[in-house]
Amino acid sequence: MALSKELLEILVCPLCKATLELKPDGSGLKCVQCHRVFPIRDDIPVMLIDEARVEE
């Protein structure tokens, strides 16, 4: 089960409150502003800043 479109529309980065985009491979949600990638585990986004990695 993939993330619903409605969920993607309301989720924002917990650090800078910017929009998140689903990575092409579906492995995480990437912030458009601070470039942190929050992992998706078992179809659940892990929105913890400590779990995110910065990616360009």
Protein backbone atom coordinates (compact mmCIF):
# COMPACT_ATOMS: atom_id res chain seq x y z
CA MET A 1 0.00 0.00 0.00
CA ALA A 2 1.53 3.29 -1.08
CA LEU A 3 1.08 6.64 0.62
CA SER A 4 -2.21 8.27 -0.26
CA LYS A 5 -2.31 11.51 -2.22
CA GLU A 6 -4.27 13.13 0.61
CA LEU A 7 -1.55 12.27 3.14
CA LEU A 8 1.19 13.64 0.86
CA GLU A 9 -0.74 16.90 0.52
CA ILE A 10 -0.85 17.55 4.29
CA LEU A 11 2.60 16.34 5.35
CA VAL A 12 5.28 19.01 5.75
CA CYS A 13 8.89 18.97 6.92
CA PRO A 14 8.94 18.97 10.74
CA LEU A 15 12.01 21.23 10.73
CA CYS A 16 11.26 24.00 8.21
CA LYS A 17 7.55 23.33 7.44
CA ALA A 18 8.19 23.18 3.66
CA THR A 19 6.54 20.83 1.17
CA LEU A 20 7.66 17.21 0.92
CA GLU A 21 7.98 15.25 -2.32
CA LEU A 22 8.00 11.49 -2.68
CA LYS A 23 11.37 10.24 -3.94
CA PRO A 24 11.13 8.49 -7.34
CA ASP A 25 12.06 5.12 -5.83
CA GLY A 26 9.48 5.54 -3.04
CA SER A 27 12.06 5.14 -0.27
CA GLY A 28 11.40 8.46 1.42
CA LEU A 29 9.95 11.95 1.45
CA LYS A 30 12.31 14.78 0.50
CA CYS A 31 11.92 18.35 1.71
CA VAL A 32 12.06 20.87 -1.12
CA GLN A 33 13.71 23.50 1.09
CA CYS A 34 16.22 21.85 3.49
CA HIS A 35 16.71 18.67 1.37
CA ARG A 36 16.21 16.28 4.28
CA VAL A 37 14.90 12.86 3.31
CA PHE A 38 12.56 11.18 5.78
CA PRO A 39 12.45 7.39 5.34
CA ILE A 40 9.32 5.38 4.66
CA ARG A 41 9.17 2.08 6.55
CA ASP A 42 6.31 -0.38 6.06
CA ASP A 43 4.37 2.34 4.19
CA ILE A 44 4.67 4.70 7.18
CA PRO A 45 6.68 7.93 6.87
CA VAL A 46 9.13 8.36 9.76
CA MET A 47 8.93 12.11 10.36
CA LEU A 48 11.64 12.33 13.02
CA ILE A 49 14.43 14.84 12.37
CA ASP A 50 16.99 12.44 13.89
CA GLU A 51 16.01 9.76 11.35
CA ALA A 52 16.33 12.07 8.32
CA ARG A 53 19.42 12.42 6.14
CA VAL A 54 20.42 15.46 4.10
CA GLU A 55 20.62 14.85 0.37
CA GLU A 56 21.28 17.21 -2.54
